[in-house]
Amino acid sequence: MEINVLIEQLETISLKYAHEFGIERTPDWFLLKLTEELGELMQSYLKFVGQARAHDRGSMALRRNLEDELADVIGMALLIAKNQNIDIEKAIARKWLQYLPGEKK
């Protein structure tokens, strides 16, 4: 899946969500929403690794919830990039991929 196609799909869903619930998607909202999702990811992770009560949920359900919360965090991070006109592919290449063997540092 192309990352820019994914970002546009996420944008469509986010706009629909905001419209349905009367949310103004300000720059602050995007970051606050990411923070909320990070908290949910942490909660899911702690349950998954046995550091918090899992309320008798099975390991597969805990794993699925962890995956879903990670998807929320990544989705919101990509939406922040779009909202701030950041070319995330270029930013990742500059920040991370430069450390691959044969790349300039």
PDB file of N, CA and C in Angstrom:
ATOM      1  N   MET A   1       0.843  -1.178   0.000  1.00  0.00           N
ATOM      2  CA  MET A   1       0.000   0.000   0.000  1.00  0.00           C
ATOM      3  C   MET A   1       0.889   1.242   0.000  1.00  0.00           C
ATOM      4  N   GLU A   2       0.593   2.140  -0.884  1.00  0.00           N
ATOM      5  CA  GLU A   2       1.308   3.415  -0.945  1.00  0.00           C
ATOM      6  C   GLU A   2       0.950   4.261   0.272  1.00  0.00           C
ATOM      7  N   ILE A   3       1.948   4.865   0.895  1.00  0.00           N
ATOM      8  CA  ILE A   3       1.692   5.637   2.106  1.00  0.00           C
ATOM      9  C   ILE A   3       0.800   6.846   1.837  1.00  0.00           C
ATOM     10  N   ASN A   4       0.963   7.493   0.677  1.00  0.00           N
ATOM     11  CA  ASN A   4       0.128   8.655   0.380  1.00  0.00           C
ATOM     12  C   ASN A   4      -1.323   8.267   0.138  1.00  0.00           C
ATOM     13  N   VAL A   5      -1.547   7.096  -0.435  1.00  0.00           N
ATOM     14  CA  VAL A   5      -2.918   6.594  -0.602  1.00  0.00           C
ATOM     15  C   VAL A   5      -3.516   6.316   0.773  1.00  0.00           C
ATOM     16  N   LEU A   6      -2.741   5.681   1.635  1.00  0.00           N
ATOM     17  CA  LEU A   6      -3.189   5.399   2.997  1.00  0.00           C
ATOM     18  C   LEU A   6      -3.543   6.689   3.730  1.00  0.00           C
ATOM     19  N   ILE A   7      -2.697   7.697   3.616  1.00  0.00           N
ATOM     20  CA  ILE A   7      -2.954   8.971   4.289  1.00  0.00           C
ATOM     21  C   ILE A   7      -4.258   9.585   3.798  1.00  0.00           C
ATOM     22  N   GLU A   8      -4.510   9.545   2.506  1.00  0.00           N
ATOM     23  CA  GLU A   8      -5.763  10.097   1.975  1.00  0.00           C
ATOM     24  C   GLU A   8      -6.975   9.318   2.473  1.00  0.00           C
ATOM     25  N   GLN A   9      -6.847   8.003   2.599  1.00  0.00           N
ATOM     26  CA  GLN A   9      -7.941   7.194   3.141  1.00  0.00           C
ATOM     27  C   GLN A   9      -8.192   7.545   4.608  1.00  0.00           C
ATOM     28  N   LEU A  10      -7.119   7.700   5.368  1.00  0.00           N
ATOM     29  CA  LEU A  10      -7.254   8.097   6.768  1.00  0.00           C
ATOM     30  C   LEU A  10      -7.891   9.476   6.880  1.00  0.00           C
ATOM     31  N   GLU A  11      -7.506  10.381   6.003  1.00  0.00           N
ATOM     32  CA  GLU A  11      -8.069  11.736   5.997  1.00  0.00           C
ATOM     33  C   GLU A  11      -9.572  11.688   5.750  1.00  0.00           C
ATOM     34  N   THR A  12     -10.009  10.880   4.803  1.00  0.00           N
ATOM     35  CA  THR A  12     -11.439  10.742   4.511  1.00  0.00           C
ATOM     36  C   THR A  12     -12.194  10.264   5.747  1.00  0.00           C
ATOM     37  N   ILE A  13     -11.658   9.262   6.408  1.00  0.00           N
ATOM     38  CA  ILE A  13     -12.300   8.715   7.603  1.00  0.00           C
ATOM     39  C   ILE A  13     -12.299   9.740   8.734  1.00  0.00           C
ATOM     40  N   SER A  14     -11.185  10.443   8.925  1.00  0.00           N
ATOM     41  CA  SER A  14     -11.084  11.440   9.983  1.00  0.00           C
ATOM     42  C   SER A  14     -12.058  12.595   9.762  1.00  0.00           C
ATOM     43  N   LEU A  15     -12.186  13.039   8.524  1.00  0.00           N
ATOM     44  CA  LEU A  15     -13.146  14.106   8.214  1.00  0.00           C
ATOM     45  C   LEU A  15     -14.574  13.668   8.510  1.00  0.00           C
ATOM     46  N   LYS A  16     -14.902  12.438   8.140  1.00  0.00           N
ATOM     47  CA  LYS A  16     -16.241  11.898   8.407  1.00  0.00           C
ATOM     48  C   LYS A  16     -16.490  11.827   9.913  1.00  0.00           C
ATOM     49  N   TYR A  17     -15.523  11.332  10.657  1.00  0.00           N
ATOM     50  CA  TYR A  17     -15.613  11.231  12.116  1.00  0.00           C
ATOM     51  C   TYR A  17     -15.840  12.616  12.728  1.00  0.00           C
ATOM     52  N   ALA A  18     -15.042  13.583  12.311  1.00  0.00           N
ATOM     53  CA  ALA A  18     -15.157  14.938  12.846  1.00  0.00           C
ATOM     54  C   ALA A  18     -16.520  15.537  12.534  1.00  0.00           C
ATOM     55  N   HIS A  19     -17.009  15.315  11.330  1.00  0.00           N
ATOM     56  CA  HIS A  19     -18.324  15.829  10.943  1.00  0.00           C
ATOM     57  C   HIS A  19     -19.430  15.196  11.784  1.00  0.00           C
ATOM     58  N   GLU A  20     -19.375  13.884  11.939  1.00  0.00           N
ATOM     59  CA  GLU A  20     -20.408  13.163  12.691  1.00  0.00           C
ATOM     60  C   GLU A  20     -20.470  13.588  14.150  1.00  0.00           C
ATOM     61  N   PHE A  21     -19.327  13.917  14.739  1.00  0.00           N
ATOM     62  CA  PHE A  21     -19.287  14.227  16.162  1.00  0.00           C
ATOM     63  C   PHE A  21     -19.068  15.710  16.453  1.00  0.00           C
ATOM     64  N   GLY A  22     -19.134  16.545  15.418  1.00  0.00           N
ATOM     65  CA  GLY A  22     -19.016  17.983  15.607  1.00  0.00           C
ATOM     66  C   GLY A  22     -17.663  18.423  16.147  1.00  0.00           C
ATOM     67  N   ILE A  23     -16.605  17.800  15.654  1.00  0.00           N
ATOM     68  CA  ILE A  23     -15.248  18.093  16.125  1.00  0.00           C
ATOM     69  C   ILE A  23     -14.546  19.008  15.129  1.00  0.00           C
ATOM     70  N   GLU A  24     -13.920  20.055  15.652  1.00  0.00           N
ATOM     71  CA  GLU A  24     -13.086  20.918  14.820  1.00  0.00           C
ATOM     72  C   GLU A  24     -11.666  20.367  14.866  1.00  0.00           C
ATOM     73  N   ARG A  25     -11.174  19.960  13.729  1.00  0.00           N
ATOM     74  CA  ARG A  25      -9.849  19.335  13.654  1.00  0.00           C
ATOM     75  C   ARG A  25      -8.763  20.407  13.594  1.00  0.00           C
ATOM     76  N   THR A  26      -8.482  20.999  14.725  1.00  0.00           N
ATOM     77  CA  THR A  26      -7.426  22.009  14.811  1.00  0.00           C
ATOM     78  C   THR A  26      -6.074  21.309  14.923  1.00  0.00           C
ATOM     79  N   PRO A  27      -4.981  22.038  14.685  1.00  0.00           N
ATOM     80  CA  PRO A  27      -3.665  21.423  14.890  1.00  0.00           C
ATOM     81  C   PRO A  27      -3.504  20.851  16.303  1.00  0.00           C
ATOM     82  N   ASP A  28      -4.026  21.561  17.300  1.00  0.00           N
ATOM     83  CA  ASP A  28      -3.958  21.045  18.672  1.00  0.00           C
ATOM     84  C   ASP A  28      -4.740  19.744  18.812  1.00  0.00           C
ATOM     85  N   TRP A  29      -5.908  19.668  18.170  1.00  0.00           N
ATOM     86  CA  TRP A  29      -6.734  18.458  18.270  1.00  0.00           C
ATOM     87  C   TRP A  29      -5.962  17.242  17.781  1.00  0.00           C
ATOM     88  N   PHE A  30      -5.260  17.385  16.657  1.00  0.00           N
ATOM     89  CA  PHE A  30      -4.514  16.246  16.123  1.00  0.00           C
ATOM     90  C   PHE A  30      -3.497  15.727  17.143  1.00  0.00           C
ATOM     91  N   LEU A  31      -2.762  16.627  17.767  1.00  0.00           N
ATOM     92  CA  LEU A  31      -1.747  16.214  18.737  1.00  0.00           C
ATOM     93  C   LEU A  31      -2.387  15.659  20.008  1.00  0.00           C
ATOM     94  N   LEU A  32      -3.464  16.277  20.454  1.00  0.00           N
ATOM     95  CA  LEU A  32      -4.166  15.758  21.631  1.00  0.00           C
ATOM     96  C   LEU A  32      -4.737  14.369  21.359  1.00  0.00           C
ATOM     97  N   LYS A  33      -5.275  14.180  20.173  1.00  0.00           N
ATOM     98  CA  LYS A  33      -5.827  12.871  19.808  1.00  0.00           C
ATOM     99  C   LYS A  33      -4.716  11.822  19.754  1.00  0.00           C
ATOM    100  N   LEU A  34      -3.554  12.194  19.228  1.00  0.00           N
ATOM    101  CA  LEU A  34      -2.420  11.270  19.217  1.00  0.00           C
ATOM    102  C   LEU A  34      -2.031  10.890  20.647  1.00  0.00           C
ATOM    103  N   THR A  35      -2.016  11.867  21.538  1.00  0.00           N
ATOM    104  CA  THR A  35      -1.688  11.603  22.939  1.00  0.00           C
ATOM    105  C   THR A  35      -2.702  10.651  23.564  1.00  0.00           C
ATOM    106  N   GLU A  36      -3.969  10.860  23.269  1.00  0.00           N
ATOM    107  CA  GLU A  36      -5.020   9.955  23.751  1.00  0.00           C
ATOM    108  C   GLU A  36      -4.769   8.534  23.254  1.00  0.00           C
ATOM    109  N   GLU A  37      -4.471   8.417  21.979  1.00  0.00           N
ATOM    110  CA  GLU A  37      -4.236   7.091  21.395  1.00  0.00           C
ATOM    111  C   GLU A  37      -2.981   6.439  21.979  1.00  0.00           C
ATOM    112  N   LEU A  38      -1.959   7.229  22.278  1.00  0.00           N
ATOM    113  CA  LEU A  38      -0.757   6.687  22.929  1.00  0.00           C
ATOM    114  C   LEU A  38      -1.097   6.105  24.300  1.00  0.00           C
ATOM    115  N   GLY A  39      -1.965   6.793  25.030  1.00  0.00           N
ATOM    116  CA  GLY A  39      -2.405   6.281  26.327  1.00  0.00           C
ATOM    117  C   GLY A  39      -3.140   4.960  26.184  1.00  0.00           C
ATOM    118  N   GLU A  40      -3.998   4.870  25.168  1.00  0.00           N
ATOM    119  CA  GLU A  40      -4.729   3.628  24.926  1.00  0.00           C
ATOM    120  C   GLU A  40      -3.780   2.507  24.502  1.00  0.00           C
ATOM    121  N   LEU A  41      -2.757   2.840  23.720  1.00  0.00           N
ATOM    122  CA  LEU A  41      -1.761   1.846  23.337  1.00  0.00           C
ATOM    123  C   LEU A  41      -1.014   1.343  24.574  1.00  0.00           C
ATOM    124  N   MET A  42      -0.623   2.247  25.454  1.00  0.00           N
ATOM    125  CA  MET A  42       0.081   1.848  26.674  1.00  0.00           C
ATOM    126  C   MET A  42      -0.790   0.926  27.519  1.00  0.00           C
ATOM    127  N   GLN A  43      -2.054   1.278  27.666  1.00  0.00           N
ATOM    128  CA  GLN A  43      -2.979   0.451  28.440  1.00  0.00           C
ATOM    129  C   GLN A  43      -3.100  -0.940  27.821  1.00  0.00           C
ATOM    130  N   SER A  44      -3.235  -1.011  26.517  1.00  0.00           N
ATOM    131  CA  SER A  44      -3.336  -2.302  25.828  1.00  0.00           C
ATOM    132  C   SER A  44      -2.061  -3.110  25.986  1.00  0.00           C
ATOM    133  N   TYR A  45      -0.925  -2.441  25.874  1.00  0.00           N
ATOM    134  CA  TYR A  45       0.356  -3.129  26.017  1.00  0.00           C
ATOM    135  C   TYR A  45       0.511  -3.715  27.420  1.00  0.00           C
ATOM    136  N   LEU A  46       0.190  -2.915  28.427  1.00  0.00           N
ATOM    137  CA  LEU A  46       0.316  -3.403  29.803  1.00  0.00           C
ATOM    138  C   LEU A  46      -0.567  -4.623  30.047  1.00  0.00           C
ATOM    139  N   LYS A  47      -1.762  -4.615  29.498  1.00  0.00           N
ATOM    140  CA  LYS A  47      -2.640  -5.785  29.613  1.00  0.00           C
ATOM    141  C   LYS A  47      -2.041  -6.971  28.871  1.00  0.00           C
ATOM    142  N   PHE A  48      -1.517  -6.725  27.691  1.00  0.00           N
ATOM    143  CA  PHE A  48      -0.966  -7.789  26.856  1.00  0.00           C
ATOM    144  C   PHE A  48       0.218  -8.483  27.528  1.00  0.00           C
ATOM    145  N   VAL A  49       1.068  -7.712  28.197  1.00  0.00           N
ATOM    146  CA  VAL A  49       2.258  -8.296  28.829  1.00  0.00           C
ATOM    147  C   VAL A  49       2.019  -8.694  30.283  1.00  0.00           C
ATOM    148  N   GLY A  50       0.785  -8.585  30.743  1.00  0.00           N
ATOM    149  CA  GLY A  50       0.444  -9.041  32.086  1.00  0.00           C
ATOM    150  C   GLY A  50       0.764  -8.069  33.197  1.00  0.00           C
ATOM    151  N   GLN A  51       0.928  -6.796  32.872  1.00  0.00           N
ATOM    152  CA  GLN A  51       1.233  -5.788  33.880  1.00  0.00           C
ATOM    153  C   GLN A  51       0.013  -4.976  34.295  1.00  0.00           C
ATOM    154  N   ALA A  52      -1.160  -5.352  33.779  1.00  0.00           N
ATOM    155  CA  ALA A  52      -2.417  -4.704  34.157  1.00  0.00           C
ATOM    156  C   ALA A  52      -3.527  -5.745  34.033  1.00  0.00           C
ATOM    157  N   ARG A  53      -4.628  -5.493  34.713  1.00  0.00           N
ATOM    158  CA  ARG A  53      -5.746  -6.439  34.662  1.00  0.00           C
ATOM    159  C   ARG A  53      -6.306  -6.513  33.250  1.00  0.00           C
ATOM    160  N   ALA A  54      -6.486  -7.727  32.785  1.00  0.00           N
ATOM    161  CA  ALA A  54      -6.988  -7.944  31.426  1.00  0.00           C
ATOM    162  C   ALA A  54      -8.468  -8.301  31.415  1.00  0.00           C
ATOM    163  N   HIS A  55      -9.107  -8.335  32.576  1.00  0.00           N
ATOM    164  CA  HIS A  55     -10.540  -8.629  32.677  1.00  0.00           C
ATOM    165  C   HIS A  55     -10.909  -9.907  31.941  1.00  0.00           C
ATOM    166  N   ASP A  56     -10.115 -10.949  32.165  1.00  0.00           N
ATOM    167  CA  ASP A  56     -10.376 -12.285  31.607  1.00  0.00           C
ATOM    168  C   ASP A  56     -10.438 -12.318  30.086  1.00  0.00           C
ATOM    169  N   ARG A  57      -9.757 -11.425  29.435  1.00  0.00           N
ATOM    170  CA  ARG A  57      -9.691 -11.467  27.972  1.00  0.00           C
ATOM    171  C   ARG A  57      -8.590 -12.428  27.568  1.00  0.00           C
ATOM    172  N   GLY A  58      -8.833 -13.190  26.544  1.00  0.00           N
ATOM    173  CA  GLY A  58      -7.840 -14.140  26.067  1.00  0.00           C
ATOM    174  C   GLY A  58      -6.664 -13.457  25.405  1.00  0.00           C
ATOM    175  N   SER A  59      -5.587 -14.221  25.228  1.00  0.00           N
ATOM    176  CA  SER A  59      -4.367 -13.648  24.660  1.00  0.00           C
ATOM    177  C   SER A  59      -4.571 -13.164  23.227  1.00  0.00           C
ATOM    178  N   MET A  60      -5.426 -13.845  22.466  1.00  0.00           N
ATOM    179  CA  MET A  60      -5.669 -13.395  21.083  1.00  0.00           C
ATOM    180  C   MET A  60      -6.416 -12.068  21.072  1.00  0.00           C
ATOM    181  N   ALA A  61      -7.372 -11.900  21.973  1.00  0.00           N
ATOM    182  CA  ALA A  61      -8.116 -10.638  22.054  1.00  0.00           C
ATOM    183  C   ALA A  61      -7.202  -9.512  22.512  1.00  0.00           C
ATOM    184  N   LEU A  62      -6.327  -9.814  23.454  1.00  0.00           N
ATOM    185  CA  LEU A  62      -5.374  -8.803  23.919  1.00  0.00           C
ATOM    186  C   LEU A  62      -4.411  -8.411  22.806  1.00  0.00           C
ATOM    187  N   ARG A  63      -3.960  -9.388  22.041  1.00  0.00           N
ATOM    188  CA  ARG A  63      -3.060  -9.119  20.909  1.00  0.00           C
ATOM    189  C   ARG A  63      -3.766  -8.259  19.865  1.00  0.00           C
ATOM    190  N   ARG A  64      -5.000  -8.602  19.557  1.00  0.00           N
ATOM    191  CA  ARG A  64      -5.779  -7.845  18.564  1.00  0.00           C
ATOM    192  C   ARG A  64      -5.962  -6.400  19.020  1.00  0.00           C
ATOM    193  N   ASN A  65      -6.259  -6.213  20.304  1.00  0.00           N
ATOM    194  CA  ASN A  65      -6.441  -4.864  20.826  1.00  0.00           C
ATOM    195  C   ASN A  65      -5.145  -4.069  20.742  1.00  0.00           C
ATOM    196  N   LEU A  66      -4.016  -4.714  21.047  1.00  0.00           N
ATOM    197  CA  LEU A  66      -2.712  -4.059  20.932  1.00  0.00           C
ATOM    198  C   LEU A  66      -2.457  -3.627  19.489  1.00  0.00           C
ATOM    199  N   GLU A  67      -2.735  -4.501  18.552  1.00  0.00           N
ATOM    200  CA  GLU A  67      -2.567  -4.180  17.130  1.00  0.00           C
ATOM    201  C   GLU A  67      -3.449  -3.002  16.730  1.00  0.00           C
ATOM    202  N   ASP A  68      -4.711  -3.021  17.179  1.00  0.00           N
ATOM    203  CA  ASP A  68      -5.648  -1.949  16.832  1.00  0.00           C
ATOM    204  C   ASP A  68      -5.204  -0.605  17.400  1.00  0.00           C
ATOM    205  N   GLU A  69      -4.728  -0.615  18.635  1.00  0.00           N
ATOM    206  CA  GLU A  69      -4.288   0.643  19.248  1.00  0.00           C
ATOM    207  C   GLU A  69      -3.018   1.172  18.583  1.00  0.00           C
ATOM    208  N   LEU A  70      -2.127   0.277  18.184  1.00  0.00           N
ATOM    209  CA  LEU A  70      -0.937   0.713  17.446  1.00  0.00           C
ATOM    210  C   LEU A  70      -1.343   1.323  16.104  1.00  0.00           C
ATOM    211  N   ALA A  71      -2.335   0.729  15.460  1.00  0.00           N
ATOM    212  CA  ALA A  71      -2.843   1.285  14.199  1.00  0.00           C
ATOM    213  C   ALA A  71      -3.415   2.684  14.421  1.00  0.00           C
ATOM    214  N   ASP A  72      -4.101   2.896  15.550  1.00  0.00           N
ATOM    215  CA  ASP A  72      -4.628   4.228  15.860  1.00  0.00           C
ATOM    216  C   ASP A  72      -3.503   5.245  16.015  1.00  0.00           C
ATOM    217  N   VAL A  73      -2.438   4.866  16.709  1.00  0.00           N
ATOM    218  CA  VAL A  73      -1.306   5.780  16.914  1.00  0.00           C
ATOM    219  C   VAL A  73      -0.657   6.130  15.577  1.00  0.00           C
ATOM    220  N   ILE A  74      -0.404   5.121  14.770  1.00  0.00           N
ATOM    221  CA  ILE A  74       0.221   5.368  13.468  1.00  0.00           C
ATOM    222  C   ILE A  74      -0.699   6.209  12.590  1.00  0.00           C
ATOM    223  N   GLY A  75      -1.982   5.891  12.599  1.00  0.00           N
ATOM    224  CA  GLY A  75      -2.947   6.658  11.811  1.00  0.00           C
ATOM    225  C   GLY A  75      -2.963   8.123  12.206  1.00  0.00           C
ATOM    226  N   MET A  76      -2.999   8.396  13.509  1.00  0.00           N
ATOM    227  CA  MET A  76      -3.016   9.790  13.955  1.00  0.00           C
ATOM    228  C   MET A  76      -1.703  10.493  13.626  1.00  0.00           C
ATOM    229  N   ALA A  77      -0.583   9.786  13.739  1.00  0.00           N
ATOM    230  CA  ALA A  77       0.704  10.396  13.383  1.00  0.00           C
ATOM    231  C   ALA A  77       0.719  10.781  11.904  1.00  0.00           C
ATOM    232  N   LEU A  78       0.178   9.919  11.066  1.00  0.00           N
ATOM    233  CA  LEU A  78       0.116  10.229   9.631  1.00  0.00           C
ATOM    234  C   LEU A  78      -0.822  11.399   9.359  1.00  0.00           C
ATOM    235  N   LEU A  79      -1.911  11.495  10.117  1.00  0.00           N
ATOM    236  CA  LEU A  79      -2.826  12.625   9.947  1.00  0.00           C
ATOM    237  C   LEU A  79      -2.181  13.935  10.393  1.00  0.00           C
ATOM    238  N   ILE A  80      -1.362  13.880  11.428  1.00  0.00           N
ATOM    239  CA  ILE A  80      -0.619  15.082  11.832  1.00  0.00           C
ATOM    240  C   ILE A  80       0.316  15.509  10.705  1.00  0.00           C
ATOM    241  N   ALA A  81       0.995  14.556  10.099  1.00  0.00           N
ATOM    242  CA  ALA A  81       1.885  14.878   8.981  1.00  0.00           C
ATOM    243  C   ALA A  81       1.109  15.573   7.868  1.00  0.00           C
ATOM    244  N   LYS A  82      -0.054  15.049   7.527  1.00  0.00           N
ATOM    245  CA  LYS A  82      -0.866  15.667   6.472  1.00  0.00           C
ATOM    246  C   LYS A  82      -1.296  17.067   6.884  1.00  0.00           C
ATOM    247  N   ASN A  83      -1.779  17.202   8.119  1.00  0.00           N
ATOM    248  CA  ASN A  83      -2.266  18.488   8.605  1.00  0.00           C
ATOM    249  C   ASN A  83      -1.170  19.545   8.602  1.00  0.00           C
ATOM    250  N   GLN A  84       0.069  19.131   8.837  1.00  0.00           N
ATOM    251  CA  GLN A  84       1.197  20.066   8.890  1.00  0.00           C
ATOM    252  C   GLN A  84       1.982  20.129   7.577  1.00  0.00           C
ATOM    253  N   ASN A  85       1.422  19.523   6.526  1.00  0.00           N
ATOM    254  CA  ASN A  85       2.067  19.505   5.207  1.00  0.00           C
ATOM    255  C   ASN A  85       3.488  18.946   5.262  1.00  0.00           C
ATOM    256  N   ILE A  86       3.633  17.848   5.978  1.00  0.00           N
ATOM    257  CA  ILE A  86       4.924  17.168   6.085  1.00  0.00           C
ATOM    258  C   ILE A  86       4.933  15.996   5.119  1.00  0.00           C
ATOM    259  N   ASP A  87       5.935  15.929   4.282  1.00  0.00           N
ATOM    260  CA  ASP A  87       6.117  14.766   3.412  1.00  0.00           C
ATOM    261  C   ASP A  87       6.758  13.689   4.276  1.00  0.00           C
ATOM    262  N   ILE A  88       5.936  12.792   4.793  1.00  0.00           N
ATOM    263  CA  ILE A  88       6.407  11.826   5.778  1.00  0.00           C
ATOM    264  C   ILE A  88       7.410  10.845   5.179  1.00  0.00           C
ATOM    265  N   GLU A  89       7.262  10.528   3.910  1.00  0.00           N
ATOM    266  CA  GLU A  89       8.248   9.641   3.282  1.00  0.00           C
ATOM    267  C   GLU A  89       9.633  10.287   3.280  1.00  0.00           C
ATOM    268  N   LYS A  90       9.698  11.558   2.914  1.00  0.00           N
ATOM    269  CA  LYS A  90      10.983  12.265   2.921  1.00  0.00           C
ATOM    270  C   LYS A  90      11.529  12.409   4.334  1.00  0.00           C
ATOM    271  N   ALA A  91      10.650  12.693   5.283  1.00  0.00           N
ATOM    272  CA  ALA A  91      11.093  12.860   6.669  1.00  0.00           C
ATOM    273  C   ALA A  91      11.653  11.555   7.230  1.00  0.00           C
ATOM    274  N   ILE A  92      10.989  10.444   6.944  1.00  0.00           N
ATOM    275  CA  ILE A  92      11.481   9.143   7.418  1.00  0.00           C
ATOM    276  C   ILE A  92      12.806   8.802   6.746  1.00  0.00           C
ATOM    277  N   ALA A  93      12.899   9.067   5.453  1.00  0.00           N
ATOM    278  CA  ALA A  93      14.153   8.795   4.742  1.00  0.00           C
ATOM    279  C   ALA A  93      15.291   9.613   5.340  1.00  0.00           C
ATOM    280  N   ARG A  94      15.017  10.884   5.623  1.00  0.00           N
ATOM    281  CA  ARG A  94      16.050  11.760   6.179  1.00  0.00           C
ATOM    282  C   ARG A  94      16.423  11.336   7.602  1.00  0.00           C
ATOM    283  N   LYS A  95      15.434  11.011   8.407  1.00  0.00           N
ATOM    284  CA  LYS A  95      15.674  10.731   9.825  1.00  0.00           C
ATOM    285  C   LYS A  95      16.142   9.301  10.084  1.00  0.00           C
ATOM    286  N   TRP A  96      15.591   8.333   9.380  1.00  0.00           N
ATOM    287  CA  TRP A  96      15.858   6.925   9.657  1.00  0.00           C
ATOM    288  C   TRP A  96      16.693   6.224   8.592  1.00  0.00           C
ATOM    289  N   LEU A  97      16.286   6.362   7.350  1.00  0.00           N
ATOM    290  CA  LEU A  97      16.868   5.533   6.298  1.00  0.00           C
ATOM    291  C   LEU A  97      18.306   5.888   5.966  1.00  0.00           C
ATOM    292  N   GLN A  98      18.750   7.048   6.413  1.00  0.00           N
ATOM    293  CA  GLN A  98      20.150   7.430   6.197  1.00  0.00           C
ATOM    294  C   GLN A  98      21.116   6.460   6.870  1.00  0.00           C
ATOM    295  N   TYR A  99      20.634   5.702   7.831  1.00  0.00           N
ATOM    296  CA  TYR A  99      21.499   4.780   8.573  1.00  0.00           C
ATOM    297  C   TYR A  99      21.596   3.398   7.943  1.00  0.00           C
ATOM    298  N   LEU A 100      20.896   3.195   6.843  1.00  0.00           N
ATOM    299  CA  LEU A 100      21.033   1.929   6.127  1.00  0.00           C
ATOM    300  C   LEU A 100      22.427   1.842   5.515  1.00  0.00           C
ATOM    301  N   PRO A 101      22.965   0.641   5.410  1.00  0.00           N
ATOM    302  CA  PRO A 101      24.281   0.501   4.773  1.00  0.00           C
ATOM    303  C   PRO A 101      24.268   1.109   3.370  1.00  0.00           C
ATOM    304  N   GLY A 102      25.294   1.872   3.063  1.00  0.00           N
ATOM    305  CA  GLY A 102      25.417   2.475   1.745  1.00  0.00           C
ATOM    306  C   GLY A 102      24.730   3.817   1.596  1.00  0.00           C
ATOM    307  N   GLU A 103      24.008   4.269   2.622  1.00  0.00           N
ATOM    308  CA  GLU A 103      23.337   5.569   2.568  1.00  0.00           C
ATOM    309  C   GLU A 103      24.245   6.631   3.176  1.00  0.00           C
ATOM    310  N   LYS A 104      24.081   7.867   2.717  1.00  0.00           N
ATOM    311  CA  LYS A 104      24.855   8.982   3.263  1.00  0.00           C
ATOM    312  C   LYS A 104      24.347   9.316   4.654  1.00  0.00           C
ATOM    313  N   LYS A 105      25.290   9.710   5.518  1.00  0.00           N
ATOM    314  CA  LYS A 105      24.908  10.114   6.878  1.00  0.00           C
ATOM    315  C   LYS A 105      25.153  11.577   7.075  1.00  0.00           C
TER     316      LYS A 105
END
